[in-house]
Amino acid sequence: MLAFNLRYALLLTSLVFIPVVHASSFDCASAVSKTEKTICSDSYISDLDKKLGALWRPTLAKVADPKALKADQRGWLKNRNQCAEDVPCLRREYLMRLKALEYMVKPFSWDATWQIIPWGVSSGATLQTKRIDADHISFDISAVAGANSGDMDGIATIVGTEAHYSGTGCTLKFSAFNGLLDVTQDGSDPTCGGGMGVYYGGRYVASEQSQSIDYDLLSLGVARTQQEDELLHALLKDDYQTLLQNSGSMASGDASSDIPNAQVDEFWLRGLANSNAGILMRAPEGKLWLVLLVFDDQRESRARYYTNVPEWKKRVPNALLAWHKRIADDQTLPLDLMP
């Protein structure tokens, strides 16, 4: 009986150390690269990989140029593998790839309205192209990045499956690809008529409706782990979406003198750094502190303080207080202590 109990205990101990491996489009047992191991260890990315695997062959069979799609897939895999162990990077790569594959089977036409596949929640672009004659198209493009925007129009010359536009300090290349349109921009944002951070380059799908992708805070890199994303969901409730919309840009902030080993990130919506912003501080064991700027019913700015640490519910860490004072800039900015 003692020997049996010992064997049973050893079996349970060994099970504790078996890594969690999720299903994917490839055999996780033979995963070698950092990227493959990360995919297999993350259930969400594994599901995305399975969806891509299921969509790949039917798409390949229906597109106008299968050879071009295979080359494009090799390029995408190279970009994906550069993510290595970066979970947010992998999530974005898969979500954007799935969106592209949805539209590749559509027939291509220069007479169309196009929507960019967005890399985040606060970016987007709409492009209209129209064939003028055998050698030229007209284009009209508008884009946003946070609160900044840009517009541009002109005439591009068709060369094979591409169309080229050259202006003063700004060139655009429109490349037709299996029902999609890739836009390459050479020129700075202001030179091409855009506000700061506004670029027209990217992959566009033929659609009258703007495209959205189901990004979350982990996909955008605000949350660093699945557990942290879930903690922020539970803590912020409706304001989770507010944080998602306002986290267009991020930068590391100063540490808080009253909380050892804490890390601080500041974030803002591009172009509205003083009216849509927040600061997030994290410490070991899933401890979180957050101040988020919101608009009240009168469209006045106010700050909301959240934490999942009970002893900090009624007081705000020094780093967050300093940030609030700096953002307020000697103006009245109410700070609400959230439950």
C-alpha atoms as a PDB file:
ATOM      1  CA  MET A   1       0.000   0.000   0.000  1.00  0.00           C
ATOM      2  CA  LEU A   2       2.848   2.385   0.839  1.00  0.00           C
ATOM      3  CA  ALA A   3       4.507   1.643  -2.526  1.00  0.00           C
ATOM      4  CA  PHE A   4       1.208   2.273  -4.334  1.00  0.00           C
ATOM      5  CA  ASN A   5       0.682   5.606  -2.572  1.00  0.00           C
ATOM      6  CA  LEU A   6       4.247   6.622  -3.402  1.00  0.00           C
ATOM      7  CA  ARG A   7       3.773   5.807  -7.098  1.00  0.00           C
ATOM      8  CA  TYR A   8       0.452   7.715  -7.091  1.00  0.00           C
ATOM      9  CA  ALA A   9       2.085  10.751  -5.497  1.00  0.00           C
ATOM     10  CA  LEU A  10       4.908  10.685  -8.021  1.00  0.00           C
ATOM     11  CA  LEU A  11       2.380  10.515 -10.875  1.00  0.00           C
ATOM     12  CA  LEU A  12       0.508  13.556  -9.577  1.00  0.00           C
ATOM     13  CA  THR A  13       3.777  15.435  -9.176  1.00  0.00           C
ATOM     14  CA  SER A  14       4.797  14.666 -12.737  1.00  0.00           C
ATOM     15  CA  LEU A  15       1.443  15.888 -14.063  1.00  0.00           C
ATOM     16  CA  VAL A  16       1.990  19.272 -12.465  1.00  0.00           C
ATOM     17  CA  PHE A  17       5.006  19.862 -14.705  1.00  0.00           C
ATOM     18  CA  ILE A  18       3.383  18.827 -17.981  1.00  0.00           C
ATOM     19  CA  PRO A  19       3.186  22.009 -20.104  1.00  0.00           C
ATOM     20  CA  VAL A  20      -0.209  23.147 -21.327  1.00  0.00           C
ATOM     21  CA  VAL A  21      -0.320  22.501 -25.085  1.00  0.00           C
ATOM     22  CA  HIS A  22      -3.266  23.747 -27.131  1.00  0.00           C
ATOM     23  CA  ALA A  23      -4.424  22.556 -30.515  1.00  0.00           C
ATOM     24  CA  SER A  24      -3.196  24.400 -33.595  1.00  0.00           C
ATOM     25  CA  SER A  25      -2.900  23.909 -37.355  1.00  0.00           C
ATOM     26  CA  PHE A  26       0.454  22.154 -36.856  1.00  0.00           C
ATOM     27  CA  ASP A  27       1.710  19.430 -34.509  1.00  0.00           C
ATOM     28  CA  CYS A  28       2.597  21.135 -31.229  1.00  0.00           C
ATOM     29  CA  ALA A  29       4.579  18.076 -30.182  1.00  0.00           C
ATOM     30  CA  SER A  30       7.127  18.954 -32.873  1.00  0.00           C
ATOM     31  CA  ALA A  31       7.150  22.712 -32.219  1.00  0.00           C
ATOM     32  CA  VAL A  32      10.747  23.956 -32.267  1.00  0.00           C
ATOM     33  CA  SER A  33      10.829  27.732 -32.776  1.00  0.00           C
ATOM     34  CA  LYS A  34       9.946  30.284 -30.107  1.00  0.00           C
ATOM     35  CA  THR A  35       7.003  31.388 -32.221  1.00  0.00           C
ATOM     36  CA  GLU A  36       5.537  27.901 -32.543  1.00  0.00           C
ATOM     37  CA  LYS A  37       5.964  27.212 -28.834  1.00  0.00           C
ATOM     38  CA  THR A  38       4.250  30.491 -27.981  1.00  0.00           C
ATOM     39  CA  ILE A  39       1.346  29.671 -30.305  1.00  0.00           C
ATOM     40  CA  CYS A  40       0.944  26.250 -28.695  1.00  0.00           C
ATOM     41  CA  SER A  41       1.038  27.682 -25.158  1.00  0.00           C
ATOM     42  CA  ASP A  42      -1.645  30.339 -25.789  1.00  0.00           C
ATOM     43  CA  SER A  43      -5.185  29.031 -26.304  1.00  0.00           C
ATOM     44  CA  TYR A  44      -6.400  32.195 -28.055  1.00  0.00           C
ATOM     45  CA  ILE A  45      -3.551  32.266 -30.582  1.00  0.00           C
ATOM     46  CA  SER A  46      -3.904  28.509 -31.094  1.00  0.00           C
ATOM     47  CA  ASP A  47      -7.553  29.009 -32.015  1.00  0.00           C
ATOM     48  CA  LEU A  48      -6.596  31.784 -34.436  1.00  0.00           C
ATOM     49  CA  ASP A  49      -3.985  29.497 -35.991  1.00  0.00           C
ATOM     50  CA  LYS A  50      -6.598  26.767 -36.426  1.00  0.00           C
ATOM     51  CA  LYS A  51      -8.993  29.219 -38.090  1.00  0.00           C
ATOM     52  CA  LEU A  52      -6.257  30.353 -40.455  1.00  0.00           C
ATOM     53  CA  GLY A  53      -5.375  26.745 -41.273  1.00  0.00           C
ATOM     54  CA  ALA A  54      -9.026  25.955 -42.046  1.00  0.00           C
ATOM     55  CA  LEU A  55      -9.368  29.069 -44.240  1.00  0.00           C
ATOM     56  CA  TRP A  56      -6.082  28.670 -46.092  1.00  0.00           C
ATOM     57  CA  ARG A  57      -6.821  25.809 -48.551  1.00  0.00           C
ATOM     58  CA  PRO A  58     -10.314  26.975 -49.616  1.00  0.00           C
ATOM     59  CA  THR A  59      -8.918  30.462 -50.216  1.00  0.00           C
ATOM     60  CA  LEU A  60      -5.944  29.146 -52.171  1.00  0.00           C
ATOM     61  CA  ALA A  61      -8.317  27.168 -54.401  1.00  0.00           C
ATOM     62  CA  LYS A  62     -10.482  30.217 -55.201  1.00  0.00           C
ATOM     63  CA  VAL A  63      -8.079  33.148 -55.653  1.00  0.00           C
ATOM     64  CA  ALA A  64      -7.187  34.465 -59.096  1.00  0.00           C
ATOM     65  CA  ASP A  65      -3.429  34.057 -58.531  1.00  0.00           C
ATOM     66  CA  PRO A  66      -2.563  31.115 -56.215  1.00  0.00           C
ATOM     67  CA  LYS A  67       1.176  31.525 -56.862  1.00  0.00           C
ATOM     68  CA  ALA A  68       1.090  35.122 -55.616  1.00  0.00           C
ATOM     69  CA  LEU A  69      -0.876  34.062 -52.535  1.00  0.00           C
ATOM     70  CA  LYS A  70       1.712  31.385 -51.696  1.00  0.00           C
ATOM     71  CA  ALA A  71       4.500  33.956 -51.946  1.00  0.00           C
ATOM     72  CA  ASP A  72       2.484  36.356 -49.815  1.00  0.00           C
ATOM     73  CA  GLN A  73       1.928  33.641 -47.210  1.00  0.00           C
ATOM     74  CA  ARG A  74       5.666  33.000 -47.014  1.00  0.00           C
ATOM     75  CA  GLY A  75       6.185  36.693 -46.400  1.00  0.00           C
ATOM     76  CA  TRP A  76       3.498  36.714 -43.727  1.00  0.00           C
ATOM     77  CA  LEU A  77       5.029  33.698 -41.980  1.00  0.00           C
ATOM     78  CA  LYS A  78       8.383  35.493 -41.930  1.00  0.00           C
ATOM     79  CA  ASN A  79       6.773  38.532 -40.290  1.00  0.00           C
ATOM     80  CA  ARG A  80       4.863  36.325 -37.872  1.00  0.00           C
ATOM     81  CA  ASN A  81       8.000  34.494 -36.806  1.00  0.00           C
ATOM     82  CA  GLN A  82       9.687  37.774 -35.976  1.00  0.00           C
ATOM     83  CA  CYS A  83       7.147  38.108 -33.151  1.00  0.00           C
ATOM     84  CA  ALA A  84       8.860  35.169 -31.404  1.00  0.00           C
ATOM     85  CA  GLU A  85       7.450  35.131 -27.832  1.00  0.00           C
ATOM     86  CA  ASP A  86       5.626  38.458 -28.138  1.00  0.00           C
ATOM     87  CA  VAL A  87       1.972  37.446 -27.590  1.00  0.00           C
ATOM     88  CA  PRO A  88       0.411  40.835 -28.537  1.00  0.00           C
ATOM     89  CA  CYS A  89       2.420  40.844 -31.775  1.00  0.00           C
ATOM     90  CA  LEU A  90       1.257  37.332 -32.672  1.00  0.00           C
ATOM     91  CA  ARG A  91      -2.368  38.136 -31.926  1.00  0.00           C
ATOM     92  CA  ARG A  92      -2.309  41.193 -34.186  1.00  0.00           C
ATOM     93  CA  GLU A  93      -0.571  39.281 -36.991  1.00  0.00           C
ATOM     94  CA  TYR A  94      -3.197  36.528 -36.965  1.00  0.00           C
ATOM     95  CA  LEU A  95      -6.207  38.833 -36.647  1.00  0.00           C
ATOM     96  CA  MET A  96      -5.042  40.991 -39.564  1.00  0.00           C
ATOM     97  CA  ARG A  97      -4.184  37.931 -41.689  1.00  0.00           C
ATOM     98  CA  LEU A  98      -7.601  36.359 -41.159  1.00  0.00           C
ATOM     99  CA  LYS A  99      -9.266  39.603 -42.229  1.00  0.00           C
ATOM    100  CA  ALA A 100      -7.165  39.706 -45.416  1.00  0.00           C
ATOM    101  CA  LEU A 101      -7.972  36.087 -46.344  1.00  0.00           C
ATOM    102  CA  GLU A 102     -11.692  36.813 -46.050  1.00  0.00           C
ATOM    103  CA  TYR A 103     -11.508  39.259 -48.978  1.00  0.00           C
ATOM    104  CA  MET A 104      -8.865  37.700 -51.235  1.00  0.00           C
ATOM    105  CA  VAL A 105     -11.329  35.654 -53.245  1.00  0.00           C
ATOM    106  CA  LYS A 106     -13.218  38.731 -54.471  1.00  0.00           C
ATOM    107  CA  PRO A 107     -12.542  39.782 -58.081  1.00  0.00           C
ATOM    108  CA  PHE A 108     -10.314  42.852 -58.358  1.00  0.00           C
ATOM    109  CA  SER A 109     -11.495  46.100 -59.934  1.00  0.00           C
ATOM    110  CA  TRP A 110      -9.939  49.566 -60.062  1.00  0.00           C
ATOM    111  CA  ASP A 111     -13.465  50.963 -59.648  1.00  0.00           C
ATOM    112  CA  ALA A 112     -13.982  50.359 -55.948  1.00  0.00           C
ATOM    113  CA  THR A 113     -14.087  51.682 -52.412  1.00  0.00           C
ATOM    114  CA  TRP A 114     -11.382  50.258 -50.167  1.00  0.00           C
ATOM    115  CA  GLN A 115     -10.924  50.046 -46.395  1.00  0.00           C
ATOM    116  CA  ILE A 116      -7.590  49.538 -44.681  1.00  0.00           C
ATOM    117  CA  ILE A 117      -7.093  46.561 -42.370  1.00  0.00           C
ATOM    118  CA  PRO A 118      -6.437  48.503 -39.156  1.00  0.00           C
ATOM    119  CA  TRP A 119      -3.438  47.782 -36.952  1.00  0.00           C
ATOM    120  CA  GLY A 120      -5.222  49.225 -33.895  1.00  0.00           C
ATOM    121  CA  VAL A 121      -8.544  50.515 -32.613  1.00  0.00           C
ATOM    122  CA  SER A 122      -7.876  54.206 -33.278  1.00  0.00           C
ATOM    123  CA  SER A 123      -6.613  53.997 -36.869  1.00  0.00           C
ATOM    124  CA  GLY A 124      -8.357  53.658 -40.213  1.00  0.00           C
ATOM    125  CA  ALA A 125      -8.366  54.712 -43.853  1.00  0.00           C
ATOM    126  CA  THR A 126     -10.827  54.795 -46.737  1.00  0.00           C
ATOM    127  CA  LEU A 127      -9.671  54.843 -50.365  1.00  0.00           C
ATOM    128  CA  GLN A 128     -11.723  55.357 -53.492  1.00  0.00           C
ATOM    129  CA  THR A 129     -10.247  54.454 -56.875  1.00  0.00           C
ATOM    130  CA  LYS A 130     -11.799  54.953 -60.295  1.00  0.00           C
ATOM    131  CA  ARG A 131     -10.453  54.048 -63.686  1.00  0.00           C
ATOM    132  CA  ILE A 132     -10.209  57.078 -65.982  1.00  0.00           C
ATOM    133  CA  ASP A 133      -8.829  55.318 -69.043  1.00  0.00           C
ATOM    134  CA  ALA A 134      -6.619  52.339 -69.908  1.00  0.00           C
ATOM    135  CA  ASP A 135      -3.570  53.941 -68.308  1.00  0.00           C
ATOM    136  CA  HIS A 136      -4.830  56.018 -65.380  1.00  0.00           C
ATOM    137  CA  ILE A 137      -6.911  55.905 -62.215  1.00  0.00           C
ATOM    138  CA  SER A 138      -8.070  58.677 -59.928  1.00  0.00           C
ATOM    139  CA  PHE A 139      -7.798  58.164 -56.188  1.00  0.00           C
ATOM    140  CA  ASP A 140      -9.119  59.881 -53.087  1.00  0.00           C
ATOM    141  CA  ILE A 141      -7.879  58.713 -49.704  1.00  0.00           C
ATOM    142  CA  SER A 142      -8.642  59.794 -46.148  1.00  0.00           C
ATOM    143  CA  ALA A 143      -7.082  58.355 -43.005  1.00  0.00           C
ATOM    144  CA  VAL A 144      -7.109  58.821 -39.233  1.00  0.00           C
ATOM    145  CA  ALA A 145      -4.681  57.980 -36.451  1.00  0.00           C
ATOM    146  CA  GLY A 146      -6.230  58.803 -33.104  1.00  0.00           C
ATOM    147  CA  ALA A 147      -7.431  62.411 -33.271  1.00  0.00           C
ATOM    148  CA  ASN A 148      -5.243  63.248 -36.287  1.00  0.00           C
ATOM    149  CA  SER A 149      -6.396  62.903 -39.867  1.00  0.00           C
ATOM    150  CA  GLY A 150      -5.235  63.370 -43.434  1.00  0.00           C
ATOM    151  CA  ASP A 151      -6.597  63.517 -46.976  1.00  0.00           C
ATOM    152  CA  MET A 152      -5.042  63.157 -50.393  1.00  0.00           C
ATOM    153  CA  ASP A 153      -6.206  62.789 -53.981  1.00  0.00           C
ATOM    154  CA  GLY A 154      -4.653  62.630 -57.428  1.00  0.00           C
ATOM    155  CA  ILE A 155      -4.146  60.717 -60.665  1.00  0.00           C
ATOM    156  CA  ALA A 156      -2.007  57.555 -60.740  1.00  0.00           C
ATOM    157  CA  THR A 157      -0.523  55.849 -63.795  1.00  0.00           C
ATOM    158  CA  ILE A 158      -1.241  52.150 -64.289  1.00  0.00           C
ATOM    159  CA  VAL A 159       1.737  49.882 -64.976  1.00  0.00           C
ATOM    160  CA  GLY A 160       0.687  46.228 -65.141  1.00  0.00           C
ATOM    161  CA  THR A 161      -0.950  45.331 -61.816  1.00  0.00           C
ATOM    162  CA  GLU A 162       0.279  48.531 -60.161  1.00  0.00           C
ATOM    163  CA  ALA A 163      -0.576  52.227 -60.260  1.00  0.00           C
ATOM    164  CA  HIS A 164       1.952  54.936 -59.384  1.00  0.00           C
ATOM    165  CA  TYR A 165       1.466  58.471 -58.107  1.00  0.00           C
ATOM    166  CA  SER A 166       4.274  60.982 -57.652  1.00  0.00           C
ATOM    167  CA  GLY A 167       3.751  64.348 -55.983  1.00  0.00           C
ATOM    168  CA  THR A 168       6.048  66.867 -54.344  1.00  0.00           C
ATOM    169  CA  GLY A 169       7.935  64.797 -51.771  1.00  0.00           C
ATOM    170  CA  CYS A 170       5.258  62.118 -51.664  1.00  0.00           C
ATOM    171  CA  THR A 171       4.783  59.006 -53.768  1.00  0.00           C
ATOM    172  CA  LEU A 172       2.157  56.273 -53.532  1.00  0.00           C
ATOM    173  CA  LYS A 173       2.157  52.830 -55.129  1.00  0.00           C
ATOM    174  CA  PHE A 174      -1.109  50.893 -55.470  1.00  0.00           C
ATOM    175  CA  SER A 175      -0.532  47.152 -55.994  1.00  0.00           C
ATOM    176  CA  ALA A 176      -3.415  44.875 -56.979  1.00  0.00           C
ATOM    177  CA  PHE A 177      -3.248  41.498 -55.283  1.00  0.00           C
ATOM    178  CA  ASN A 178      -5.936  38.782 -55.388  1.00  0.00           C
ATOM    179  CA  GLY A 179      -8.884  41.082 -54.748  1.00  0.00           C
ATOM    180  CA  LEU A 180      -6.923  43.296 -52.335  1.00  0.00           C
ATOM    181  CA  LEU A 181      -5.013  46.529 -52.802  1.00  0.00           C
ATOM    182  CA  ASP A 182      -1.662  47.177 -51.125  1.00  0.00           C
ATOM    183  CA  VAL A 183      -0.656  50.817 -50.732  1.00  0.00           C
ATOM    184  CA  THR A 184       2.979  51.815 -50.204  1.00  0.00           C
ATOM    185  CA  GLN A 185       3.768  55.375 -49.155  1.00  0.00           C
ATOM    186  CA  ASP A 186       7.116  57.092 -49.611  1.00  0.00           C
ATOM    187  CA  GLY A 187       7.070  60.455 -47.876  1.00  0.00           C
ATOM    188  CA  SER A 188       6.487  61.811 -44.387  1.00  0.00           C
ATOM    189  CA  ASP A 189       3.047  62.246 -42.867  1.00  0.00           C
ATOM    190  CA  PRO A 190       2.833  66.064 -43.352  1.00  0.00           C
ATOM    191  CA  THR A 191       4.360  65.902 -46.840  1.00  0.00           C
ATOM    192  CA  CYS A 192       1.582  63.528 -47.882  1.00  0.00           C
ATOM    193  CA  GLY A 193      -1.114  65.720 -46.331  1.00  0.00           C
ATOM    194  CA  GLY A 194      -1.560  63.865 -43.050  1.00  0.00           C
ATOM    195  CA  GLY A 195      -1.470  64.874 -39.412  1.00  0.00           C
ATOM    196  CA  MET A 196       1.177  63.445 -37.105  1.00  0.00           C
ATOM    197  CA  GLY A 197       1.256  59.669 -37.367  1.00  0.00           C
ATOM    198  CA  VAL A 198      -1.213  59.527 -40.273  1.00  0.00           C
ATOM    199  CA  TYR A 199      -0.017  57.245 -43.083  1.00  0.00           C
ATOM    200  CA  TYR A 200      -1.926  55.785 -46.011  1.00  0.00           C
ATOM    201  CA  GLY A 201       0.212  52.693 -46.450  1.00  0.00           C
ATOM    202  CA  GLY A 202      -1.231  49.281 -45.674  1.00  0.00           C
ATOM    203  CA  ARG A 203      -3.422  46.491 -47.025  1.00  0.00           C
ATOM    204  CA  TYR A 204      -6.922  47.433 -48.166  1.00  0.00           C
ATOM    205  CA  VAL A 205     -10.013  45.301 -48.759  1.00  0.00           C
ATOM    206  CA  ALA A 206     -12.859  46.149 -51.144  1.00  0.00           C
ATOM    207  CA  SER A 207     -15.710  47.271 -48.894  1.00  0.00           C
ATOM    208  CA  GLU A 208     -18.072  50.197 -48.432  1.00  0.00           C
ATOM    209  CA  GLN A 209     -17.967  49.661 -44.670  1.00  0.00           C
ATOM    210  CA  SER A 210     -14.941  50.462 -42.514  1.00  0.00           C
ATOM    211  CA  GLN A 211     -13.204  47.402 -41.117  1.00  0.00           C
ATOM    212  CA  SER A 212     -12.825  46.623 -37.452  1.00  0.00           C
ATOM    213  CA  ILE A 213     -10.904  43.859 -35.743  1.00  0.00           C
ATOM    214  CA  ASP A 214     -11.712  42.367 -32.363  1.00  0.00           C
ATOM    215  CA  TYR A 215      -8.648  43.741 -30.608  1.00  0.00           C
ATOM    216  CA  ASP A 216      -8.353  43.622 -26.830  1.00  0.00           C
ATOM    217  CA  LEU A 217      -5.851  45.161 -24.400  1.00  0.00           C
ATOM    218  CA  LEU A 218      -3.585  42.135 -24.743  1.00  0.00           C
ATOM    219  CA  SER A 219      -3.575  42.380 -28.546  1.00  0.00           C
ATOM    220  CA  LEU A 220      -2.504  46.026 -28.244  1.00  0.00           C
ATOM    221  CA  GLY A 221       0.190  45.306 -25.659  1.00  0.00           C
ATOM    222  CA  VAL A 222      -1.462  47.284 -22.839  1.00  0.00           C
ATOM    223  CA  ALA A 223      -2.083  44.099 -20.864  1.00  0.00           C
ATOM    224  CA  ARG A 224       0.998  41.901 -20.711  1.00  0.00           C
ATOM    225  CA  THR A 225      -0.654  38.555 -19.989  1.00  0.00           C
ATOM    226  CA  GLN A 226      -4.032  36.900 -20.465  1.00  0.00           C
ATOM    227  CA  GLN A 227      -4.509  36.977 -16.690  1.00  0.00           C
ATOM    228  CA  GLU A 228      -3.839  40.726 -16.564  1.00  0.00           C
ATOM    229  CA  ASP A 229      -6.305  41.333 -19.399  1.00  0.00           C
ATOM    230  CA  GLU A 230      -8.966  39.400 -17.485  1.00  0.00           C
ATOM    231  CA  LEU A 231      -8.189  41.343 -14.302  1.00  0.00           C
ATOM    232  CA  LEU A 232      -8.609  44.640 -16.174  1.00  0.00           C
ATOM    233  CA  HIS A 233     -11.916  43.431 -17.629  1.00  0.00           C
ATOM    234  CA  ALA A 234     -13.222  42.620 -14.151  1.00  0.00           C
ATOM    235  CA  LEU A 235     -11.877  45.821 -12.606  1.00  0.00           C
ATOM    236  CA  LEU A 236     -12.888  48.368 -15.253  1.00  0.00           C
ATOM    237  CA  LYS A 237     -16.128  46.876 -16.571  1.00  0.00           C
ATOM    238  CA  ASP A 238     -17.503  49.439 -19.083  1.00  0.00           C
ATOM    239  CA  ASP A 239     -14.327  51.519 -18.847  1.00  0.00           C
ATOM    240  CA  TYR A 240     -12.358  48.612 -20.317  1.00  0.00           C
ATOM    241  CA  GLN A 241     -13.555  49.824 -23.712  1.00  0.00           C
ATOM    242  CA  THR A 242     -12.593  53.411 -22.796  1.00  0.00           C
ATOM    243  CA  LEU A 243      -9.061  52.281 -22.021  1.00  0.00           C
ATOM    244  CA  LEU A 244      -8.993  50.251 -25.234  1.00  0.00           C
ATOM    245  CA  GLN A 245      -9.973  53.259 -27.334  1.00  0.00           C
ATOM    246  CA  ASN A 246      -7.507  55.607 -25.628  1.00  0.00           C
ATOM    247  CA  SER A 247      -4.424  53.404 -25.748  1.00  0.00           C
ATOM    248  CA  GLY A 248      -3.191  54.388 -29.184  1.00  0.00           C
ATOM    249  CA  SER A 249       0.322  55.191 -27.930  1.00  0.00           C
ATOM    250  CA  MET A 250       2.309  54.066 -24.890  1.00  0.00           C
ATOM    251  CA  ALA A 251       5.451  55.049 -23.019  1.00  0.00           C
ATOM    252  CA  SER A 252       7.081  53.992 -19.753  1.00  0.00           C
ATOM    253  CA  GLY A 253       6.436  56.284 -16.802  1.00  0.00           C
ATOM    254  CA  ASP A 254       8.312  57.067 -13.607  1.00  0.00           C
ATOM    255  CA  ALA A 255       8.213  54.490 -10.813  1.00  0.00           C
ATOM    256  CA  SER A 256       6.147  55.133  -7.682  1.00  0.00           C
ATOM    257  CA  SER A 257       8.178  55.766  -4.526  1.00  0.00           C
ATOM    258  CA  ASP A 258       5.565  54.155  -2.269  1.00  0.00           C
ATOM    259  CA  ILE A 259       5.161  50.825  -4.124  1.00  0.00           C
ATOM    260  CA  PRO A 260       8.347  48.744  -4.559  1.00  0.00           C
ATOM    261  CA  ASN A 261       8.941  46.810  -7.803  1.00  0.00           C
ATOM    262  CA  ALA A 262       6.028  48.488  -9.589  1.00  0.00           C
ATOM    263  CA  GLN A 263       6.140  49.266 -13.307  1.00  0.00           C
ATOM    264  CA  VAL A 264       4.339  52.213 -14.866  1.00  0.00           C
ATOM    265  CA  ASP A 265       2.989  52.804 -18.388  1.00  0.00           C
ATOM    266  CA  GLU A 266       1.371  55.971 -19.679  1.00  0.00           C
ATOM    267  CA  PHE A 267      -0.890  55.925 -22.723  1.00  0.00           C
ATOM    268  CA  TRP A 268      -2.844  58.349 -24.860  1.00  0.00           C
ATOM    269  CA  LEU A 269      -4.880  58.719 -27.989  1.00  0.00           C
ATOM    270  CA  ARG A 270      -2.599  60.190 -30.647  1.00  0.00           C
ATOM    271  CA  GLY A 271      -3.301  63.896 -31.085  1.00  0.00           C
ATOM    272  CA  LEU A 272      -5.225  64.274 -27.817  1.00  0.00           C
ATOM    273  CA  ALA A 273      -2.544  63.640 -25.224  1.00  0.00           C
ATOM    274  CA  ASN A 274      -4.058  66.062 -22.695  1.00  0.00           C
ATOM    275  CA  SER A 275      -7.701  65.031 -22.927  1.00  0.00           C
ATOM    276  CA  ASN A 276      -7.689  61.273 -23.568  1.00  0.00           C
ATOM    277  CA  ALA A 277      -5.037  59.599 -21.498  1.00  0.00           C
ATOM    278  CA  GLY A 278      -4.319  57.243 -18.636  1.00  0.00           C
ATOM    279  CA  ILE A 279      -1.621  55.731 -16.470  1.00  0.00           C
ATOM    280  CA  LEU A 280      -1.389  52.062 -15.490  1.00  0.00           C
ATOM    281  CA  MET A 281       0.821  50.677 -12.746  1.00  0.00           C
ATOM    282  CA  ARG A 282       1.369  46.990 -12.069  1.00  0.00           C
ATOM    283  CA  ALA A 283       3.152  45.077  -9.326  1.00  0.00           C
ATOM    284  CA  PRO A 284       3.782  41.362  -8.685  1.00  0.00           C
ATOM    285  CA  GLU A 285       0.869  39.059  -7.841  1.00  0.00           C
ATOM    286  CA  GLY A 286      -1.486  40.781 -10.306  1.00  0.00           C
ATOM    287  CA  LYS A 287      -1.762  44.068  -8.421  1.00  0.00           C
ATOM    288  CA  LEU A 288      -3.033  46.920 -10.592  1.00  0.00           C
ATOM    289  CA  TRP A 289      -3.548  50.674 -10.219  1.00  0.00           C
ATOM    290  CA  LEU A 290      -5.017  52.849 -12.950  1.00  0.00           C
ATOM    291  CA  VAL A 291      -6.102  56.438 -13.507  1.00  0.00           C
ATOM    292  CA  LEU A 292      -8.121  56.955 -16.683  1.00  0.00           C
ATOM    293  CA  LEU A 293      -9.427  60.206 -18.163  1.00  0.00           C
ATOM    294  CA  VAL A 294     -13.062  60.105 -19.282  1.00  0.00           C
ATOM    295  CA  PHE A 295     -15.795  62.541 -20.299  1.00  0.00           C
ATOM    296  CA  ASP A 296     -18.855  62.975 -18.055  1.00  0.00           C
ATOM    297  CA  ASP A 297     -22.405  63.657 -19.236  1.00  0.00           C
ATOM    298  CA  GLN A 298     -21.566  67.347 -19.712  1.00  0.00           C
ATOM    299  CA  ARG A 299     -18.529  66.427 -21.859  1.00  0.00           C
ATOM    300  CA  GLU A 300     -16.216  67.650 -19.111  1.00  0.00           C
ATOM    301  CA  SER A 301     -12.974  65.764 -18.425  1.00  0.00           C
ATOM    302  CA  ARG A 302     -12.563  63.905 -15.160  1.00  0.00           C
ATOM    303  CA  ALA A 303     -10.289  61.161 -13.911  1.00  0.00           C
ATOM    304  CA  ARG A 304     -11.267  57.749 -12.522  1.00  0.00           C
ATOM    305  CA  TYR A 305      -9.012  55.817 -10.186  1.00  0.00           C
ATOM    306  CA  TYR A 306      -9.192  52.025 -10.132  1.00  0.00           C
ATOM    307  CA  THR A 307      -7.250  49.404  -8.190  1.00  0.00           C
ATOM    308  CA  ASN A 308      -7.729  45.755  -7.276  1.00  0.00           C
ATOM    309  CA  VAL A 309      -5.631  46.146  -4.105  1.00  0.00           C
ATOM    310  CA  PRO A 310      -8.051  46.565  -1.156  1.00  0.00           C
ATOM    311  CA  GLU A 311      -5.713  48.635   1.050  1.00  0.00           C
ATOM    312  CA  TRP A 312      -5.258  51.150  -1.791  1.00  0.00           C
ATOM    313  CA  LYS A 313      -8.929  51.711  -2.579  1.00  0.00           C
ATOM    314  CA  LYS A 314      -9.044  55.022  -0.674  1.00  0.00           C
ATOM    315  CA  ARG A 315      -5.585  56.368  -1.498  1.00  0.00           C
ATOM    316  CA  VAL A 316      -3.703  56.935  -4.733  1.00  0.00           C
ATOM    317  CA  PRO A 317      -0.015  56.005  -5.290  1.00  0.00           C
ATOM    318  CA  ASN A 318       2.478  58.851  -5.687  1.00  0.00           C
ATOM    319  CA  ALA A 319       3.230  58.176  -9.355  1.00  0.00           C
ATOM    320  CA  LEU A 320      -0.457  58.353 -10.280  1.00  0.00           C
ATOM    321  CA  LEU A 321      -1.001  61.494  -8.190  1.00  0.00           C
ATOM    322  CA  ALA A 322       1.947  63.187  -9.908  1.00  0.00           C
ATOM    323  CA  TRP A 323       0.569  62.197 -13.323  1.00  0.00           C
ATOM    324  CA  HIS A 324      -2.882  63.543 -12.419  1.00  0.00           C
ATOM    325  CA  LYS A 325      -1.387  66.856 -11.293  1.00  0.00           C
ATOM    326  CA  ARG A 326       0.631  67.158 -14.500  1.00  0.00           C
ATOM    327  CA  ILE A 327      -2.352  66.369 -16.727  1.00  0.00           C
ATOM    328  CA  ALA A 328      -4.607  68.755 -14.796  1.00  0.00           C
ATOM    329  CA  ASP A 329      -2.090  71.572 -15.382  1.00  0.00           C
ATOM    330  CA  ASP A 330      -3.514  73.794 -12.610  1.00  0.00           C
ATOM    331  CA  GLN A 331      -7.067  73.276 -13.845  1.00  0.00           C
ATOM    332  CA  THR A 332      -9.888  71.514 -12.053  1.00  0.00           C
ATOM    333  CA  LEU A 333      -9.822  67.810 -12.908  1.00  0.00           C
ATOM    334  CA  PRO A 334     -11.972  65.728 -10.524  1.00  0.00           C
ATOM    335  CA  LEU A 335     -10.494  62.412  -9.417  1.00  0.00           C
ATOM    336  CA  ASP A 336     -13.136  59.778  -8.661  1.00  0.00           C
ATOM    337  CA  LEU A 337     -12.191  56.819  -6.475  1.00  0.00           C
ATOM    338  CA  MET A 338     -13.959  53.884  -8.092  1.00  0.00           C
ATOM    339  CA  PRO A 339     -15.179  50.888  -6.059  1.00  0.00           C
END
